[in-house]
N, C-alpha and C. Protein backbone atom coordinates (compact mmCIF):
# COMPACT_ATOMS: atom_id res chain seq x y z
N MET A 1 56.91 -1.69 13.45
CA MET A 1 57.04 -2.57 11.96
C MET A 1 56.73 -1.00 11.45
N GLU A 2 58.38 -1.39 10.57
CA GLU A 2 59.08 0.51 10.44
C GLU A 2 57.74 0.51 9.42
N HIS A 3 58.02 2.08 8.52
CA HIS A 3 56.60 3.24 7.93
C HIS A 3 57.69 2.90 6.60
N THR A 4 58.36 2.85 6.11
CA THR A 4 58.47 1.80 4.90
C THR A 4 58.61 0.87 4.22
N SER A 5 57.42 -0.21 5.27
CA SER A 5 56.66 -1.81 4.61
C SER A 5 56.38 -2.04 3.77
N VAL A 6 56.76 -2.27 3.10
CA VAL A 6 55.08 -3.15 2.25
C VAL A 6 53.73 -2.03 2.31
N LEU A 7 52.95 -2.65 3.37
CA LEU A 7 51.40 -2.27 3.78
C LEU A 7 51.99 -0.79 4.07
N TYR A 8 52.25 -0.67 4.94
CA TYR A 8 52.55 1.13 4.23
C TYR A 8 52.04 1.37 3.64
N ARG A 9 52.91 1.56 2.44
CA ARG A 9 53.25 1.63 1.46
C ARG A 9 52.68 1.83 0.72
N ILE A 10 51.41 0.40 0.85
CA ILE A 10 50.23 0.28 -0.08
C ILE A 10 49.79 1.39 1.47
N LYS A 11 49.00 0.96 1.76
CA LYS A 11 47.86 2.35 2.32
C LYS A 11 48.30 3.65 2.53
N ARG A 12 49.33 4.20 2.07
CA ARG A 12 49.50 5.52 2.18
C ARG A 12 49.02 5.69 0.51
N TRP A 13 49.62 4.58 -0.42
CA TRP A 13 49.45 4.96 -1.05
C TRP A 13 47.62 5.72 -1.93
N MET A 14 46.66 4.30 -0.83
CA MET A 14 45.78 4.56 -1.21
C MET A 14 45.02 5.48 -1.03
N TYR A 15 45.60 6.95 -0.29
CA TYR A 15 45.22 7.68 0.17
C TYR A 15 46.43 9.01 -0.02
N ARG A 16 46.59 8.63 -1.70
CA ARG A 16 47.75 9.50 -2.47
C ARG A 16 46.71 11.07 -2.23
N ASP A 17 46.56 12.07 -1.54
CA ASP A 17 46.65 13.45 -1.10
C ASP A 17 45.86 13.12 -0.39
N GLY A 18 45.36 12.61 0.44
CA GLY A 18 45.04 12.61 1.52
C GLY A 18 43.39 12.48 1.07
N ARG A 19 43.58 11.78 0.08
CA ARG A 19 42.10 11.94 -1.23
C ARG A 19 41.83 9.98 -0.75
N PRO A 20 40.93 9.44 -1.06
CA PRO A 20 40.94 7.61 -1.45
C PRO A 20 40.79 7.58 -2.59
N ASN A 21 41.63 6.27 -3.36
CA ASN A 21 42.09 5.78 -4.34
C ASN A 21 40.49 4.56 -4.76
N ARG A 22 40.46 4.82 -6.23
CA ARG A 22 39.47 3.26 -6.74
C ARG A 22 39.21 2.61 -5.31
N LEU A 23 41.12 1.25 -5.05
CA LEU A 23 40.26 1.02 -4.14
C LEU A 23 40.61 1.04 -2.92
N ALA A 24 41.35 2.55 -2.36
CA ALA A 24 40.11 2.82 -1.27
C ALA A 24 38.31 2.91 -0.72
N ARG A 25 38.35 3.20 -1.44
CA ARG A 25 36.74 3.76 -2.27
C ARG A 25 36.16 2.44 -2.13
N ALA A 26 36.71 1.43 -2.43
CA ALA A 26 35.15 0.06 -2.69
C ALA A 26 36.10 -1.03 -1.51
N LEU A 27 37.33 -1.37 -0.72
CA LEU A 27 36.92 -1.08 0.44
C LEU A 27 36.33 -0.45 2.10
N ASN A 28 36.38 0.84 1.20
CA ASN A 28 35.85 1.57 2.33
C ASN A 28 34.17 1.00 2.20
N ASP A 29 33.81 0.29 1.13
CA ASP A 29 32.17 0.17 1.21
C ASP A 29 32.33 -0.63 2.31
N LEU A 30 33.12 -1.63 1.09
CA LEU A 30 32.83 -3.58 2.85
C LEU A 30 32.93 -3.18 3.59
N SER A 31 33.53 -2.04 4.36
CA SER A 31 34.19 -1.95 5.90
C SER A 31 32.27 -1.59 6.28
N MET A 32 32.31 -0.92 5.43
CA MET A 32 30.94 0.25 6.14
C MET A 32 30.39 -0.46 5.86
N LEU A 33 30.00 -1.22 5.29
CA LEU A 33 28.27 -2.81 5.48
C LEU A 33 29.10 -3.66 6.84
N GLN A 34 30.04 -4.09 6.73
CA GLN A 34 29.86 -4.94 7.76
C GLN A 34 30.37 -4.45 9.42
N PHE A 35 31.41 -2.98 9.34
CA PHE A 35 30.63 -2.02 10.69
C PHE A 35 29.06 -1.17 10.68
N SER A 36 28.40 -1.40 9.55
CA SER A 36 27.48 -0.49 9.96
C SER A 36 26.30 -1.83 10.75
N SER A 37 26.69 -2.89 10.13
CA SER A 37 26.25 -4.07 10.66
C SER A 37 26.35 -4.68 12.55
N GLY A 38 27.73 -4.43 12.86
CA GLY A 38 27.88 -5.06 13.75
C GLY A 38 28.13 -5.05 13.91
N VAL A 39 28.40 -6.89 12.49
CA VAL A 39 28.49 -8.24 13.02
C VAL A 39 30.09 -8.38 11.79
N LEU A 40 31.10 -8.57 13.02
CA LEU A 40 32.23 -9.65 12.35
C LEU A 40 32.91 -8.10 12.89
N ALA A 41 32.21 -6.90 13.42
CA ALA A 41 32.90 -6.21 13.75
C ALA A 41 33.37 -5.39 15.02
N PRO A 42 34.82 -5.96 16.01
CA PRO A 42 35.00 -5.35 17.13
C PRO A 42 33.72 -2.97 17.48
N ARG A 43 33.49 -3.85 19.19
CA ARG A 43 32.80 -2.27 18.61
C ARG A 43 32.86 -1.12 17.61
N PRO A 44 34.37 -0.71 18.59
CA PRO A 44 34.72 0.36 18.19
C PRO A 44 34.84 1.00 16.30
N TRP A 45 34.65 0.10 15.55
CA TRP A 45 34.01 0.42 14.06
C TRP A 45 32.54 -0.03 13.80
N VAL A 46 32.61 2.03 13.73
CA VAL A 46 31.22 1.86 13.58
C VAL A 46 31.49 2.34 11.81
N THR A 47 30.21 3.10 11.36
CA THR A 47 30.13 3.65 10.36
C THR A 47 29.42 4.96 10.10
N LEU A 48 30.16 7.01 10.16
CA LEU A 48 29.42 7.67 10.51
C LEU A 48 28.93 8.04 9.92
N GLU A 49 27.21 8.80 9.41
CA GLU A 49 26.39 9.20 8.56
C GLU A 49 26.73 10.53 9.36
N VAL A 50 27.36 11.46 7.64
CA VAL A 50 26.66 12.62 8.09
C VAL A 50 26.47 13.60 6.30
N ALA A 51 25.49 14.85 6.53
CA ALA A 51 24.77 14.90 6.09
C ALA A 51 26.16 15.53 5.25
N GLY A 52 26.42 16.13 3.05
CA GLY A 52 26.83 16.37 2.89
C GLY A 52 27.12 17.89 2.79
N ARG A 53 28.12 18.27 3.21
CA ARG A 53 27.65 19.46 3.34
C ARG A 53 27.46 20.45 1.41
N ARG A 54 27.78 20.32 0.41
CA ARG A 54 27.14 20.77 -0.94
C ARG A 54 26.06 20.18 -1.09
N SER A 55 25.60 18.59 -1.59
CA SER A 55 25.07 18.06 -1.64
C SER A 55 22.85 17.74 -0.76
N GLY A 56 23.51 17.04 0.65
CA GLY A 56 22.97 17.36 1.52
C GLY A 56 23.09 15.85 1.53
N ARG A 57 23.18 14.90 0.91
CA ARG A 57 23.28 13.39 1.36
C ARG A 57 24.04 12.98 2.23
N THR A 58 23.23 12.21 2.93
CA THR A 58 24.57 11.14 3.63
C THR A 58 25.54 10.67 2.67
N ILE A 59 26.60 11.27 3.93
CA ILE A 59 27.85 10.60 3.83
C ILE A 59 27.94 9.40 4.74
N ARG A 60 28.75 7.97 3.89
CA ARG A 60 29.38 7.30 5.43
C ARG A 60 30.40 7.43 5.10
N VAL A 61 30.16 7.33 6.35
CA VAL A 61 32.62 6.49 6.37
C VAL A 61 32.34 6.13 7.06
N PRO A 62 33.92 4.61 7.51
CA PRO A 62 33.77 3.89 8.29
C PRO A 62 34.69 4.90 9.24
N VAL A 63 34.45 4.37 11.08
CA VAL A 63 36.32 5.36 11.51
C VAL A 63 35.82 4.28 12.57
N VAL A 64 36.81 4.46 13.81
CA VAL A 64 37.37 4.03 14.83
C VAL A 64 36.75 4.65 16.40
N VAL A 65 35.57 4.61 16.23
CA VAL A 65 36.27 5.24 18.02
C VAL A 65 37.13 4.22 18.56
N THR A 66 37.95 5.70 19.77
CA THR A 66 38.33 6.11 20.09
C THR A 66 38.26 6.33 21.99
N GLU A 67 38.32 5.40 23.26
CA GLU A 67 37.08 5.48 23.91
C GLU A 67 38.86 5.60 25.42
N LEU A 68 38.43 7.30 26.29
CA LEU A 68 38.90 7.49 26.35
C LEU A 68 39.22 7.54 28.08
N ASP A 69 40.10 7.21 29.38
CA ASP A 69 38.87 7.32 30.16
C ASP A 69 37.75 7.63 30.29
N GLY A 70 36.59 6.68 29.63
CA GLY A 70 35.12 6.09 29.82
C GLY A 70 35.03 7.28 28.05
N VAL A 71 34.92 8.44 28.29
CA VAL A 71 34.64 9.43 26.86
C VAL A 71 34.76 8.65 24.79
N ARG A 72 34.51 8.83 24.71
CA ARG A 72 34.73 8.09 23.14
C ARG A 72 35.27 10.00 22.58
N TYR A 73 35.74 9.29 21.75
CA TYR A 73 36.06 10.92 20.35
C TYR A 73 36.26 9.25 18.52
N LEU A 74 36.58 10.81 17.99
CA LEU A 74 37.07 10.45 16.61
C LEU A 74 37.84 11.43 16.29
N VAL A 75 38.22 9.67 15.77
CA VAL A 75 39.98 10.52 15.19
C VAL A 75 40.14 11.12 13.52
N SER A 76 40.14 12.33 12.71
CA SER A 76 40.73 12.38 10.98
C SER A 76 41.95 11.34 10.91
N MET A 77 42.56 10.55 10.38
CA MET A 77 43.61 9.48 10.40
C MET A 77 44.41 11.09 8.84
N LEU A 78 43.50 11.34 8.57
CA LEU A 78 43.48 11.70 7.34
C LEU A 78 44.39 13.33 7.56
N GLY A 79 44.10 14.04 8.58
CA GLY A 79 43.40 15.55 8.87
C GLY A 79 42.80 16.74 8.67
N GLU A 80 42.97 17.08 8.17
CA GLU A 80 42.68 18.87 7.78
C GLU A 80 41.55 18.05 6.81
N ARG A 81 41.66 17.16 6.21
CA ARG A 81 41.91 17.16 4.66
C ARG A 81 40.78 16.59 4.46
N ALA A 82 40.57 15.39 5.48
CA ALA A 82 39.37 14.23 5.54
C ALA A 82 37.47 15.57 4.35
N ASN A 83 36.91 15.49 4.03
CA ASN A 83 35.88 15.52 3.70
C ASN A 83 34.52 15.33 4.52
N TRP A 84 34.80 14.42 5.41
CA TRP A 84 34.07 14.24 6.73
C TRP A 84 34.09 14.95 7.77
N VAL A 85 36.01 15.65 7.82
CA VAL A 85 35.38 16.41 9.22
C VAL A 85 35.23 18.10 7.97
N ARG A 86 35.55 18.19 7.26
CA ARG A 86 34.49 20.17 6.90
C ARG A 86 33.13 19.14 7.18
N ASN A 87 32.44 17.82 6.65
CA ASN A 87 30.81 18.04 7.08
C ASN A 87 29.88 17.86 8.05
N VAL A 88 30.56 17.18 8.91
CA VAL A 88 30.69 17.16 9.87
C VAL A 88 31.17 18.73 11.15
N ARG A 89 31.20 19.29 10.45
CA ARG A 89 31.41 20.80 11.17
C ARG A 89 30.56 21.59 9.55
N ALA A 90 30.95 21.57 8.74
CA ALA A 90 28.89 22.03 8.37
C ALA A 90 27.42 21.53 9.14
N ALA A 91 27.88 20.45 9.54
CA ALA A 91 26.57 20.36 9.62
C ALA A 91 26.08 20.77 11.23
N GLY A 92 27.12 20.69 11.88
CA GLY A 92 27.03 21.86 13.94
C GLY A 92 27.55 20.52 14.00
N GLY A 93 28.51 19.60 13.91
CA GLY A 93 29.05 18.22 15.14
C GLY A 93 27.65 17.74 14.73
N LEU A 94 26.64 17.73 14.24
CA LEU A 94 25.25 16.16 14.34
C LEU A 94 25.52 15.08 13.41
N VAL A 95 25.75 13.46 13.64
CA VAL A 95 25.37 12.53 12.73
C VAL A 95 25.22 11.69 13.58
N THR A 96 24.95 11.03 12.94
CA THR A 96 24.79 9.03 13.33
C THR A 96 26.12 8.64 12.80
N LEU A 97 25.57 7.10 14.08
CA LEU A 97 26.77 6.62 14.35
C LEU A 97 26.39 5.20 14.25
N ARG A 98 26.99 4.13 13.51
CA ARG A 98 26.18 3.48 12.83
C ARG A 98 26.98 1.56 13.66
N HIS A 99 26.34 0.93 14.31
CA HIS A 99 27.71 -0.20 14.48
C HIS A 99 26.48 -1.32 14.47
N GLY A 100 25.13 -2.14 13.96
CA GLY A 100 24.40 -2.12 15.07
C GLY A 100 23.17 -1.84 14.65
N ARG A 101 23.20 -0.21 15.16
CA ARG A 101 22.33 -0.11 15.95
C ARG A 101 22.41 2.03 16.00
N ARG A 102 21.33 2.21 14.50
CA ARG A 102 21.34 3.31 14.60
C ARG A 102 21.92 4.14 16.47
N GLU A 103 23.42 5.99 16.28
CA GLU A 103 23.21 6.41 17.41
C GLU A 103 24.06 8.04 16.78
N ARG A 104 22.35 9.35 16.86
CA ARG A 104 22.21 9.84 16.55
C ARG A 104 23.25 10.79 17.73
N VAL A 105 24.40 11.42 17.94
CA VAL A 105 25.48 12.51 18.11
C VAL A 105 26.02 13.03 17.96
N LEU A 106 26.63 14.12 18.94
CA LEU A 106 26.41 15.17 18.54
C LEU A 106 28.33 15.01 18.61
N LEU A 107 28.80 15.66 17.60
CA LEU A 107 30.63 15.35 17.80
C LEU A 107 31.08 16.74 18.55
N VAL A 108 31.99 17.92 19.02
CA VAL A 108 32.41 18.70 19.41
C VAL A 108 34.21 18.52 19.27
N GLU A 109 34.78 19.19 18.94
CA GLU A 109 36.20 19.12 18.12
C GLU A 109 36.86 19.59 19.80
N VAL A 110 37.68 18.79 19.22
CA VAL A 110 37.96 19.02 21.04
C VAL A 110 39.25 20.27 20.93
N ASP A 111 40.19 20.89 22.03
CA ASP A 111 40.41 21.32 21.78
C ASP A 111 42.27 21.21 20.98
N VAL A 112 43.62 21.42 20.50
CA VAL A 112 44.44 20.88 19.73
C VAL A 112 45.25 20.68 21.56
N ASP A 113 45.53 21.19 22.30
CA ASP A 113 45.33 21.22 23.71
C ASP A 113 45.52 20.08 23.96
N ASP A 114 44.03 20.04 23.64
CA ASP A 114 43.55 17.92 24.42
C ASP A 114 43.60 16.91 23.41
N ARG A 115 44.18 17.03 22.30
CA ARG A 115 44.41 16.15 21.28
C ARG A 115 45.19 14.76 21.86
N ALA A 116 46.45 15.31 22.74
CA ALA A 116 48.12 14.84 21.91
C ALA A 116 47.88 12.71 23.66
N PRO A 117 46.83 12.85 23.89
CA PRO A 117 46.44 11.56 25.06
C PRO A 117 45.01 10.72 23.78
N VAL A 118 44.66 11.53 22.76
CA VAL A 118 43.02 10.82 22.34
C VAL A 118 44.39 10.15 21.37
N LEU A 119 44.98 11.10 20.26
CA LEU A 119 45.53 10.32 19.12
C LEU A 119 46.85 8.94 19.45
N ARG A 120 47.35 9.60 20.44
CA ARG A 120 48.00 8.31 21.17
C ARG A 120 46.98 6.96 21.47
N ARG A 121 46.36 7.27 21.93
CA ARG A 121 45.41 5.42 22.56
C ARG A 121 44.88 6.07 20.69
N TYR A 122 44.70 6.55 19.71
CA TYR A 122 43.46 6.21 18.63
C TYR A 122 44.92 5.15 17.54
N LEU A 123 45.96 5.11 17.98
CA LEU A 123 47.17 5.29 17.00
C LEU A 123 47.55 3.18 17.91
N ARG A 124 47.09 2.96 19.00
CA ARG A 124 47.00 1.99 19.64
C ARG A 124 45.90 0.83 19.06
N ILE A 125 44.73 1.62 19.21
CA ILE A 125 44.11 0.69 18.07
C ILE A 125 43.82 0.76 16.51
N ALA A 126 44.10 1.98 15.82
CA ALA A 126 43.57 1.21 14.85
C ALA A 126 44.57 1.38 14.35
N PRO A 127 45.22 -0.14 13.79
CA PRO A 127 46.22 0.25 12.70
C PRO A 127 46.42 0.07 11.34
N GLY A 128 45.09 0.89 10.85
CA GLY A 128 45.34 0.86 9.42
C GLY A 128 45.24 2.61 8.83
N ALA A 129 45.59 3.09 10.40
CA ALA A 129 45.12 4.90 10.82
C ALA A 129 46.65 4.72 10.55
N ARG A 130 48.15 4.22 11.58
CA ARG A 130 49.34 4.34 11.43
C ARG A 130 49.84 5.12 10.61
N PRO A 131 50.09 4.36 8.88
CA PRO A 131 51.24 5.08 7.93
C PRO A 131 50.67 6.40 7.15
N HIS A 132 49.70 6.74 7.94
CA HIS A 132 48.44 8.70 7.98
C HIS A 132 49.67 9.24 8.63
N PHE A 133 49.80 8.99 9.66
CA PHE A 133 50.71 9.65 11.13
C PHE A 133 52.47 9.61 10.72
N PRO A 134 52.93 11.38 10.86
CA PRO A 134 53.60 11.53 11.39
C PRO A 134 54.73 9.94 12.13
N VAL A 135 53.77 10.44 13.62
CA VAL A 135 54.42 9.21 13.85
C VAL A 135 54.57 7.84 14.79
N THR A 136 55.57 6.94 15.48
CA THR A 136 54.89 5.64 15.86
C THR A 136 53.88 5.69 16.37
N ARG A 137 53.36 4.73 17.19
CA ARG A 137 51.88 4.37 18.04
C ARG A 137 52.67 4.10 19.75
N ASP A 138 53.67 4.44 19.78
CA ASP A 138 54.87 4.49 20.62
C ASP A 138 55.93 5.61 20.75
N ALA A 139 54.75 6.60 20.37
CA ALA A 139 55.78 7.73 20.40
C ALA A 139 55.54 8.69 21.42
N SER A 140 56.28 9.79 22.09
CA SER A 140 56.39 10.51 23.11
C SER A 140 55.45 11.34 23.54
N PRO A 141 54.28 12.14 24.62
CA PRO A 141 53.47 12.12 24.53
C PRO A 141 53.65 14.01 23.71
N ALA A 142 55.11 14.19 24.12
CA ALA A 142 55.96 15.73 23.93
C ALA A 142 55.21 15.64 22.42
N GLU A 143 55.99 14.12 21.33
CA GLU A 143 55.92 14.12 19.94
C GLU A 143 54.18 13.99 19.93
N PHE A 144 53.34 13.35 20.46
CA PHE A 144 51.86 13.22 19.23
C PHE A 144 51.72 14.92 19.56
N ALA A 145 51.82 15.34 20.81
CA ALA A 145 51.02 17.02 21.57
C ALA A 145 51.66 18.33 19.72
N ALA A 146 52.91 17.82 19.11
CA ALA A 146 52.98 18.49 17.58
C ALA A 146 52.76 18.51 16.91
N ILE A 147 52.54 17.12 16.91
CA ILE A 147 50.78 16.72 16.00
C ILE A 147 50.39 17.11 15.97
N ALA A 148 49.58 17.35 16.74
CA ALA A 148 47.52 17.62 17.59
C ALA A 148 47.21 18.33 16.48
N PRO A 149 47.80 19.40 16.31
CA PRO A 149 47.70 20.80 15.39
C PRO A 149 46.61 20.13 13.76
N SER A 150 47.26 19.04 13.56
CA SER A 150 47.30 18.68 11.56
C SER A 150 45.89 17.08 11.37
N PHE A 151 45.18 17.21 13.37
CA PHE A 151 44.89 15.68 13.42
C PHE A 151 43.26 16.28 13.47
N PRO A 152 42.63 16.51 13.48
CA PRO A 152 41.61 16.89 14.52
C PRO A 152 40.75 15.79 15.03
N VAL A 153 40.35 15.82 16.30
CA VAL A 153 39.41 15.59 17.15
C VAL A 153 37.82 15.95 17.61
N PHE A 154 36.93 14.46 17.48
CA PHE A 154 35.75 15.27 18.64
C PHE A 154 35.31 14.24 19.11
N ARG A 155 34.89 15.00 19.81
CA ARG A 155 34.57 14.07 21.08
C ARG A 155 32.33 13.46 21.23
N VAL A 156 31.92 12.37 20.68
CA VAL A 156 31.31 11.81 21.50
C VAL A 156 29.86 12.23 22.43
N ALA A 157 29.58 13.14 21.44
CA ALA A 157 28.99 14.00 22.85
C ALA A 157 26.70 13.33 22.44
N ALA A 158 25.42 13.28 23.35
CA ALA A 158 24.63 13.30 23.49
C ALA A 158 23.88 14.28 22.81
N ALA A 159 23.69 14.04 22.16
CA ALA A 159 22.04 14.43 20.63
C ALA A 159 21.15 15.47 21.66
N GLY A 160 21.50 16.14 22.13
CA GLY A 160 20.13 16.92 22.82
C GLY A 160 18.68 15.80 21.78
N PRO A 161 17.22 16.09 22.39
CA PRO A 161 16.41 15.44 22.65
C PRO A 161 15.75 16.34 20.83
N ALA A 162 16.54 17.81 21.08
CA ALA A 162 15.26 18.16 19.21
C ALA A 162 16.68 18.12 18.17
N GLN A 163 18.35 17.97 18.11
CA GLN A 163 18.66 17.50 17.84
C GLN A 163 17.79 16.51 16.83
N GLY A 164 18.31 15.84 18.22
CA GLY A 164 17.46 13.25 17.45
C GLY A 164 16.89 13.56 17.09
N ARG A 165 15.90 14.66 17.07
CA ARG A 165 14.61 14.23 15.23
C ARG A 165 15.18 14.65 14.23
N GLN A 166 16.09 15.76 13.82
CA GLN A 166 16.71 16.10 12.73
C GLN A 166 16.88 14.46 11.64
N ALA A 167 16.84 14.86 10.72
CA ALA A 167 17.57 13.91 9.61
C ALA A 167 18.61 14.36 8.83
């Protein structure tokens, strides 16, 4: 499918300037309910819960967990501009993932040089993210390496016992 299709244009419009518009927010709210419940949602679809860096309130975002070589990752389809990325960094990486149950985890940012294979895998399993990437899912490893600085990737790690008790 080429990047000029109607569906791609609609998805790009829904996230113009890297921020979800009213329609995208409403669809995200529905996705969060579905992803959190784990009902009729594939295993990689989860809701990320993180403390807001300004408000302190729990911010919820539907995301897709990418697995590569037995390791789980989260990718920001909107790049550095995504609020959840800023919130995760401000929270020191401590977040909750929900898919039927809550899992307290630590997100560890992946070095730019190690992101390309994860980004490539992500585009294969997250079709809704494809319109936001300047490469296709079949791009070469070099093309993924070229865009890696623009798309944060976080490795999902176990939260330590002390971290797991925090609210």
